[in-house]
Amino acid sequence: MKKEISYSKIDLFEKIKEGDLKNLLTCIRSFKKTFKKGETIYMETDHIPYVGIVLSGSVHMLKYDIWGNSSLFTYFSPGEIFGESYAVQKDISSSVIFTSAEETTVLFLAASNIIHSCPNACAFHAQISTNLFHLLGSKNQKFINKIEILSKGSIREKLLAYISQLAQEQDSKYVKTPLSRKDLAEYLTVNRSAMIRELSKMRNEGIIDFDKDTFIIKVE
């Protein structure tokens, strides 16, 4: 099992003192659960009462069409939250499926206890509410990035847009992707074999290099 991310590195807990965190997690009815690879966390028709935080592993957000074909809409790495858009809405069921891409541990927090005022008027409770709404706003950038990628016309352009985004996020020419080749093709909505051929062409042309989950950007 992979090591869990430190709570101090989770944006949802920003500005909350370590000494207050235990009380906070009790106040908002939190619990942890570990999922095996490929296990469903939330089904498409589920009402989602909890916000999830990935502590280790990875969570995929999938959408199925009427013929049963899936597409990888987005993914969540350690420290990131998921399900919050559905959890804060009233009587809205999920329209997607959340699954574990590998063995994954998730910390669940009751959404209603985050967004509603605490009877004890805890300062740290108010802080996590503020943090959640800030994250809801910043989360839009993740979806904007996906739209930017899908707007590209060719497989190469989609790959370059994706790798460029990773490089900006990681501030490095050596960028790691949490996606397998199969998952990356699904995320980019392209044919896997055609994508792999394009990656090989890009390496032969000296644009990028790659090794397993690492892309190396070649720039002069």
C-alpha atoms as a PDB file:
ATOM      1  CA  MET A   1       0.000   0.000   0.000  1.00  0.00           C
ATOM      2  CA  LYS A   2       1.291   3.439  -0.932  1.00  0.00           C
ATOM      3  CA  LYS A   3       2.068   5.992   1.748  1.00  0.00           C
ATOM      4  CA  GLU A   4      -0.780   8.398   2.445  1.00  0.00           C
ATOM      5  CA  ILE A   5      -0.358  12.104   1.818  1.00  0.00           C
ATOM      6  CA  SER A   6       0.127  14.261   4.905  1.00  0.00           C
ATOM      7  CA  TYR A   7      -2.996  16.123   5.970  1.00  0.00           C
ATOM      8  CA  SER A   8      -0.905  19.308   6.117  1.00  0.00           C
ATOM      9  CA  LYS A   9      -0.520  19.124   2.305  1.00  0.00           C
ATOM     10  CA  ILE A  10      -4.264  18.884   1.619  1.00  0.00           C
ATOM     11  CA  ASP A  11      -5.714  22.192   0.387  1.00  0.00           C
ATOM     12  CA  LEU A  12      -9.083  21.548   2.049  1.00  0.00           C
ATOM     13  CA  PHE A  13      -7.313  21.721   5.436  1.00  0.00           C
ATOM     14  CA  GLU A  14      -5.382  24.896   4.672  1.00  0.00           C
ATOM     15  CA  LYS A  15      -5.035  27.290   7.654  1.00  0.00           C
ATOM     16  CA  ILE A  16      -6.388  24.659  10.063  1.00  0.00           C
ATOM     17  CA  LYS A  17      -4.008  23.982  12.927  1.00  0.00           C
ATOM     18  CA  GLU A  18      -2.803  20.424  13.411  1.00  0.00           C
ATOM     19  CA  GLY A  19      -4.191  20.429  16.952  1.00  0.00           C
ATOM     20  CA  ASP A  20      -7.674  21.331  15.671  1.00  0.00           C
ATOM     21  CA  LEU A  21      -7.738  18.785  12.880  1.00  0.00           C
ATOM     22  CA  LYS A  22      -8.672  15.787  15.024  1.00  0.00           C
ATOM     23  CA  ASN A  23     -11.638  17.663  16.487  1.00  0.00           C
ATOM     24  CA  LEU A  24     -12.630  18.863  13.035  1.00  0.00           C
ATOM     25  CA  LEU A  25     -12.635  15.360  11.558  1.00  0.00           C
ATOM     26  CA  THR A  26     -14.850  14.188  14.398  1.00  0.00           C
ATOM     27  CA  CYS A  27     -17.152  17.189  14.044  1.00  0.00           C
ATOM     28  CA  ILE A  28     -17.787  16.590  10.348  1.00  0.00           C
ATOM     29  CA  ARG A  29     -18.148  12.784  10.641  1.00  0.00           C
ATOM     30  CA  SER A  30     -15.130  11.636   8.667  1.00  0.00           C
ATOM     31  CA  PHE A  31     -14.022   8.095   7.946  1.00  0.00           C
ATOM     32  CA  LYS A  32     -11.396   6.384   5.805  1.00  0.00           C
ATOM     33  CA  LYS A  33     -11.886   3.526   3.389  1.00  0.00           C
ATOM     34  CA  THR A  34      -9.494   1.622   1.122  1.00  0.00           C
ATOM     35  CA  PHE A  35     -10.605   0.407  -2.299  1.00  0.00           C
ATOM     36  CA  LYS A  36      -9.062  -2.280  -4.474  1.00  0.00           C
ATOM     37  CA  LYS A  37      -8.048  -1.481  -8.060  1.00  0.00           C
ATOM     38  CA  GLY A  38     -11.114  -1.097 -10.255  1.00  0.00           C
ATOM     39  CA  GLU A  39     -13.551  -0.958  -7.353  1.00  0.00           C
ATOM     40  CA  THR A  40     -16.525   1.403  -7.648  1.00  0.00           C
ATOM     41  CA  ILE A  41     -16.602   4.243  -5.129  1.00  0.00           C
ATOM     42  CA  TYR A  42     -19.804   5.909  -6.340  1.00  0.00           C
ATOM     43  CA  MET A  43     -22.281   4.632  -8.908  1.00  0.00           C
ATOM     44  CA  GLU A  44     -23.938   6.791 -11.562  1.00  0.00           C
ATOM     45  CA  THR A  45     -27.301   6.828  -9.764  1.00  0.00           C
ATOM     46  CA  ASP A  46     -25.937   7.331  -6.252  1.00  0.00           C
ATOM     47  CA  HIS A  47     -26.755  10.339  -4.128  1.00  0.00           C
ATOM     48  CA  ILE A  48     -23.397  11.543  -2.851  1.00  0.00           C
ATOM     49  CA  PRO A  49     -23.485  12.726   0.781  1.00  0.00           C
ATOM     50  CA  TYR A  50     -19.699  12.768   1.260  1.00  0.00           C
ATOM     51  CA  VAL A  51     -16.800  14.722  -0.148  1.00  0.00           C
ATOM     52  CA  GLY A  52     -13.878  12.410  -0.874  1.00  0.00           C
ATOM     53  CA  ILE A  53     -10.186  13.231  -0.481  1.00  0.00           C
ATOM     54  CA  VAL A  54      -7.650  10.934  -2.137  1.00  0.00           C
ATOM     55  CA  LEU A  55      -5.043  10.024   0.485  1.00  0.00           C
ATOM     56  CA  SER A  56      -3.175   7.511  -1.664  1.00  0.00           C
ATOM     57  CA  GLY A  57      -3.681   5.978  -5.081  1.00  0.00           C
ATOM     58  CA  SER A  58      -5.872   7.547  -7.756  1.00  0.00           C
ATOM     59  CA  VAL A  59      -9.575   7.990  -8.504  1.00  0.00           C
ATOM     60  CA  HIS A  60     -11.033   8.074 -12.011  1.00  0.00           C
ATOM     61  CA  MET A  61     -14.230   9.882 -12.950  1.00  0.00           C
ATOM     62  CA  LEU A  62     -15.925   7.916 -15.736  1.00  0.00           C
ATOM     63  CA  LYS A  63     -18.921   8.564 -17.948  1.00  0.00           C
ATOM     64  CA  TYR A  64     -20.750   5.765 -19.784  1.00  0.00           C
ATOM     65  CA  ASP A  65     -22.889   6.219 -22.875  1.00  0.00           C
ATOM     66  CA  ILE A  66     -26.077   4.287 -23.639  1.00  0.00           C
ATOM     67  CA  TRP A  67     -24.065   1.558 -25.411  1.00  0.00           C
ATOM     68  CA  GLY A  68     -21.877   0.955 -22.374  1.00  0.00           C
ATOM     69  CA  ASN A  69     -18.763   2.689 -23.705  1.00  0.00           C
ATOM     70  CA  SER A  70     -16.799   4.534 -21.027  1.00  0.00           C
ATOM     71  CA  SER A  71     -14.762   7.703 -21.253  1.00  0.00           C
ATOM     72  CA  LEU A  72     -12.301   8.976 -18.678  1.00  0.00           C
ATOM     73  CA  PHE A  73     -13.569  12.460 -17.910  1.00  0.00           C
ATOM     74  CA  THR A  74     -10.912  13.354 -15.346  1.00  0.00           C
ATOM     75  CA  TYR A  75      -8.795  11.872 -12.544  1.00  0.00           C
ATOM     76  CA  PHE A  76      -7.830  12.756  -8.989  1.00  0.00           C
ATOM     77  CA  SER A  77      -4.440  12.328  -7.337  1.00  0.00           C
ATOM     78  CA  PRO A  78      -3.453  12.324  -3.623  1.00  0.00           C
ATOM     79  CA  GLY A  79      -4.599  15.503  -1.880  1.00  0.00           C
ATOM     80  CA  GLU A  80      -7.363  16.254  -4.379  1.00  0.00           C
ATOM     81  CA  ILE A  81     -11.065  16.231  -3.547  1.00  0.00           C
ATOM     82  CA  PHE A  82     -13.835  14.650  -5.617  1.00  0.00           C
ATOM     83  CA  GLY A  83     -17.611  14.396  -5.524  1.00  0.00           C
ATOM     84  CA  GLU A  84     -17.970  17.841  -3.983  1.00  0.00           C
ATOM     85  CA  SER A  85     -20.018  19.253  -6.887  1.00  0.00           C
ATOM     86  CA  TYR A  86     -22.671  16.613  -6.278  1.00  0.00           C
ATOM     87  CA  ALA A  87     -22.394  16.522  -2.488  1.00  0.00           C
ATOM     88  CA  VAL A  88     -23.242  20.203  -2.007  1.00  0.00           C
ATOM     89  CA  GLN A  89     -26.347  20.053  -4.203  1.00  0.00           C
ATOM     90  CA  LYS A  90     -29.782  19.105  -2.886  1.00  0.00           C
ATOM     91  CA  ASP A  91     -31.330  15.837  -4.066  1.00  0.00           C
ATOM     92  CA  ILE A  92     -28.967  15.503  -7.031  1.00  0.00           C
ATOM     93  CA  SER A  93     -27.611  12.082  -7.937  1.00  0.00           C
ATOM     94  CA  SER A  94     -24.269  11.573  -9.618  1.00  0.00           C
ATOM     95  CA  SER A  95     -24.242  11.434 -13.420  1.00  0.00           C
ATOM     96  CA  VAL A  96     -20.806   9.820 -13.458  1.00  0.00           C
ATOM     97  CA  ILE A  97     -19.019   6.884 -11.858  1.00  0.00           C
ATOM     98  CA  PHE A  98     -16.016   7.221  -9.548  1.00  0.00           C
ATOM     99  CA  THR A  99     -13.661   4.223  -9.460  1.00  0.00           C
ATOM    100  CA  SER A 100     -10.260   3.452  -7.966  1.00  0.00           C
ATOM    101  CA  ALA A 101      -7.565   3.269 -10.648  1.00  0.00           C
ATOM    102  CA  GLU A 102      -5.286   1.371  -8.254  1.00  0.00           C
ATOM    103  CA  GLU A 103      -5.416   0.451  -4.603  1.00  0.00           C
ATOM    104  CA  THR A 104      -6.681   3.721  -3.168  1.00  0.00           C
ATOM    105  CA  THR A 105      -7.426   5.137   0.265  1.00  0.00           C
ATOM    106  CA  VAL A 106     -10.056   7.862   0.538  1.00  0.00           C
ATOM    107  CA  LEU A 107     -10.987  10.114   3.438  1.00  0.00           C
ATOM    108  CA  PHE A 108     -14.720  10.850   3.371  1.00  0.00           C
ATOM    109  CA  LEU A 109     -16.221  13.966   4.956  1.00  0.00           C
ATOM    110  CA  ALA A 110     -19.954  14.552   5.407  1.00  0.00           C
ATOM    111  CA  ALA A 111     -20.768  17.446   3.077  1.00  0.00           C
ATOM    112  CA  SER A 112     -23.757  18.628   5.099  1.00  0.00           C
ATOM    113  CA  ASN A 113     -21.538  19.017   8.158  1.00  0.00           C
ATOM    114  CA  ILE A 114     -19.083  21.127   6.181  1.00  0.00           C
ATOM    115  CA  ILE A 115     -21.509  23.563   4.581  1.00  0.00           C
ATOM    116  CA  HIS A 116     -23.796  24.031   7.587  1.00  0.00           C
ATOM    117  CA  SER A 117     -22.804  26.088  10.615  1.00  0.00           C
ATOM    118  CA  CYS A 118     -21.385  24.180  13.548  1.00  0.00           C
ATOM    119  CA  PRO A 119     -23.462  24.585  16.763  1.00  0.00           C
ATOM    120  CA  ASN A 120     -20.198  25.014  18.661  1.00  0.00           C
ATOM    121  CA  ALA A 121     -19.162  27.899  16.368  1.00  0.00           C
ATOM    122  CA  CYS A 122     -15.744  26.324  15.836  1.00  0.00           C
ATOM    123  CA  ALA A 123     -13.363  28.644  13.989  1.00  0.00           C
ATOM    124  CA  PHE A 124     -11.769  25.708  12.188  1.00  0.00           C
ATOM    125  CA  HIS A 125     -15.191  24.567  10.999  1.00  0.00           C
ATOM    126  CA  ALA A 126     -15.770  27.944   9.362  1.00  0.00           C
ATOM    127  CA  GLN A 127     -12.323  27.693   7.781  1.00  0.00           C
ATOM    128  CA  ILE A 128     -12.982  24.344   6.107  1.00  0.00           C
ATOM    129  CA  SER A 129     -16.258  25.703   4.710  1.00  0.00           C
ATOM    130  CA  THR A 130     -14.344  28.616   3.224  1.00  0.00           C
ATOM    131  CA  ASN A 131     -11.696  26.288   1.842  1.00  0.00           C
ATOM    132  CA  LEU A 132     -14.298  24.070   0.188  1.00  0.00           C
ATOM    133  CA  PHE A 133     -15.936  26.920  -1.672  1.00  0.00           C
ATOM    134  CA  HIS A 134     -12.560  28.231  -2.803  1.00  0.00           C
ATOM    135  CA  LEU A 135     -11.750  24.764  -4.148  1.00  0.00           C
ATOM    136  CA  LEU A 136     -15.085  24.608  -5.950  1.00  0.00           C
ATOM    137  CA  GLY A 137     -14.046  27.718  -7.825  1.00  0.00           C
ATOM    138  CA  SER A 138     -10.510  26.600  -8.620  1.00  0.00           C
ATOM    139  CA  LYS A 139     -11.757  23.149  -9.672  1.00  0.00           C
ATOM    140  CA  ASN A 140     -13.199  24.740 -12.794  1.00  0.00           C
ATOM    141  CA  GLN A 141      -9.656  25.118 -14.115  1.00  0.00           C
ATOM    142  CA  LYS A 142      -9.282  21.339 -14.191  1.00  0.00           C
ATOM    143  CA  PHE A 143     -12.280  21.056 -16.482  1.00  0.00           C
ATOM    144  CA  ILE A 144     -11.181  24.017 -18.603  1.00  0.00           C
ATOM    145  CA  ASN A 145      -7.868  22.218 -19.162  1.00  0.00           C
ATOM    146  CA  LYS A 146      -9.730  19.133 -20.353  1.00  0.00           C
ATOM    147  CA  ILE A 147     -11.840  21.204 -22.740  1.00  0.00           C
ATOM    148  CA  GLU A 148      -8.674  22.810 -24.125  1.00  0.00           C
ATOM    149  CA  ILE A 149      -7.200  19.377 -24.825  1.00  0.00           C
ATOM    150  CA  LEU A 150     -10.331  18.025 -26.486  1.00  0.00           C
ATOM    151  CA  SER A 151     -10.585  21.127 -28.668  1.00  0.00           C
ATOM    152  CA  LYS A 152      -7.364  20.142 -30.451  1.00  0.00           C
ATOM    153  CA  GLY A 153      -7.859  18.575 -33.859  1.00  0.00           C
ATOM    154  CA  SER A 154      -5.145  15.909 -34.015  1.00  0.00           C
ATOM    155  CA  ILE A 155      -3.756  13.252 -31.696  1.00  0.00           C
ATOM    156  CA  ARG A 156      -0.402  15.024 -31.654  1.00  0.00           C
ATOM    157  CA  GLU A 157      -1.966  18.337 -30.683  1.00  0.00           C
ATOM    158  CA  LYS A 158      -3.902  16.661 -27.878  1.00  0.00           C
ATOM    159  CA  LEU A 159      -0.769  14.944 -26.581  1.00  0.00           C
ATOM    160  CA  LEU A 160       1.242  18.159 -26.685  1.00  0.00           C
ATOM    161  CA  ALA A 161      -1.514  20.080 -24.892  1.00  0.00           C
ATOM    162  CA  TYR A 162      -1.701  17.421 -22.171  1.00  0.00           C
ATOM    163  CA  ILE A 163       2.072  17.200 -21.696  1.00  0.00           C
ATOM    164  CA  SER A 164       2.333  21.000 -21.689  1.00  0.00           C
ATOM    165  CA  GLN A 165      -0.260  21.236 -18.924  1.00  0.00           C
ATOM    166  CA  LEU A 166       1.626  18.661 -16.856  1.00  0.00           C
ATOM    167  CA  ALA A 167       4.884  20.558 -17.357  1.00  0.00           C
ATOM    168  CA  GLN A 168       3.275  23.788 -16.144  1.00  0.00           C
ATOM    169  CA  GLU A 169       1.719  22.070 -13.122  1.00  0.00           C
ATOM    170  CA  GLN A 170       4.966  20.308 -12.168  1.00  0.00           C
ATOM    171  CA  ASP A 171       7.275  23.154 -13.275  1.00  0.00           C
ATOM    172  CA  SER A 172       9.619  20.716 -14.956  1.00  0.00           C
ATOM    173  CA  LYS A 173      10.626  19.354 -18.353  1.00  0.00           C
ATOM    174  CA  TYR A 174      10.524  15.894 -16.772  1.00  0.00           C
ATOM    175  CA  VAL A 175       6.845  15.307 -16.131  1.00  0.00           C
ATOM    176  CA  LYS A 176       5.072  12.341 -14.631  1.00  0.00           C
ATOM    177  CA  THR A 177       1.625  11.249 -15.678  1.00  0.00           C
ATOM    178  CA  PRO A 178      -0.651   9.248 -13.353  1.00  0.00           C
ATOM    179  CA  LEU A 179      -2.296   7.641 -16.394  1.00  0.00           C
ATOM    180  CA  SER A 180      -1.412   4.391 -18.127  1.00  0.00           C
ATOM    181  CA  ARG A 181      -1.270   4.430 -21.932  1.00  0.00           C
ATOM    182  CA  LYS A 182      -4.751   2.898 -22.039  1.00  0.00           C
ATOM    183  CA  ASP A 183      -6.143   5.491 -19.625  1.00  0.00           C
ATOM    184  CA  LEU A 184      -4.364   8.334 -21.415  1.00  0.00           C
ATOM    185  CA  ALA A 185      -5.944   7.343 -24.744  1.00  0.00           C
ATOM    186  CA  GLU A 186      -9.335   7.234 -23.043  1.00  0.00           C
ATOM    187  CA  TYR A 187      -8.728  10.615 -21.412  1.00  0.00           C
ATOM    188  CA  LEU A 188      -7.742  12.155 -24.756  1.00  0.00           C
ATOM    189  CA  THR A 189     -10.588  10.307 -26.537  1.00  0.00           C
ATOM    190  CA  VAL A 190      -8.249   8.854 -29.151  1.00  0.00           C
ATOM    191  CA  ASN A 191      -7.382   5.385 -30.421  1.00  0.00           C
ATOM    192  CA  ARG A 192      -4.718   3.816 -28.192  1.00  0.00           C
ATOM    193  CA  SER A 193      -2.678   2.246 -31.012  1.00  0.00           C
ATOM    194  CA  ALA A 194      -2.746   5.468 -33.024  1.00  0.00           C
ATOM    195  CA  MET A 195      -1.672   7.423 -29.940  1.00  0.00           C
ATOM    196  CA  ILE A 196       1.270   5.122 -29.284  1.00  0.00           C
ATOM    197  CA  ARG A 197       2.369   5.456 -32.927  1.00  0.00           C
ATOM    198  CA  GLU A 198       2.189   9.230 -32.630  1.00  0.00           C
ATOM    199  CA  LEU A 199       4.255   9.176 -29.428  1.00  0.00           C
ATOM    200  CA  SER A 200       6.928   7.160 -31.238  1.00  0.00           C
ATOM    201  CA  LYS A 201       6.934   9.659 -34.119  1.00  0.00           C
ATOM    202  CA  MET A 202       7.300  12.546 -31.704  1.00  0.00           C
ATOM    203  CA  ARG A 203      10.241  10.817 -30.030  1.00  0.00           C
ATOM    204  CA  ASN A 204      11.909  10.109 -33.390  1.00  0.00           C
ATOM    205  CA  GLU A 205      11.480  13.764 -34.336  1.00  0.00           C
ATOM    206  CA  GLY A 206      13.143  14.863 -31.090  1.00  0.00           C
ATOM    207  CA  ILE A 207      10.056  16.614 -29.698  1.00  0.00           C
ATOM    208  CA  ILE A 208       9.745  14.459 -26.593  1.00  0.00           C
ATOM    209  CA  ASP A 209      11.169  11.344 -25.010  1.00  0.00           C
ATOM    210  CA  PHE A 210       9.431   9.059 -22.554  1.00  0.00           C
ATOM    211  CA  ASP A 211      10.018   6.192 -20.163  1.00  0.00           C
ATOM    212  CA  LYS A 212       7.060   4.442 -18.541  1.00  0.00           C
ATOM    213  CA  ASP A 213       5.125   7.188 -16.714  1.00  0.00           C
ATOM    214  CA  THR A 214       7.606  10.001 -17.458  1.00  0.00           C
ATOM    215  CA  PHE A 215       7.630  12.368 -20.422  1.00  0.00           C
ATOM    216  CA  ILE A 216      10.763  14.362 -21.214  1.00  0.00           C
ATOM    217  CA  ILE A 217      10.206  17.579 -23.122  1.00  0.00           C
ATOM    218  CA  LYS A 218      12.916  18.367 -25.674  1.00  0.00           C
ATOM    219  CA  VAL A 219      13.348  22.095 -26.169  1.00  0.00           C
ATOM    220  CA  GLU A 220      16.334  24.014 -27.455  1.00  0.00           C
END
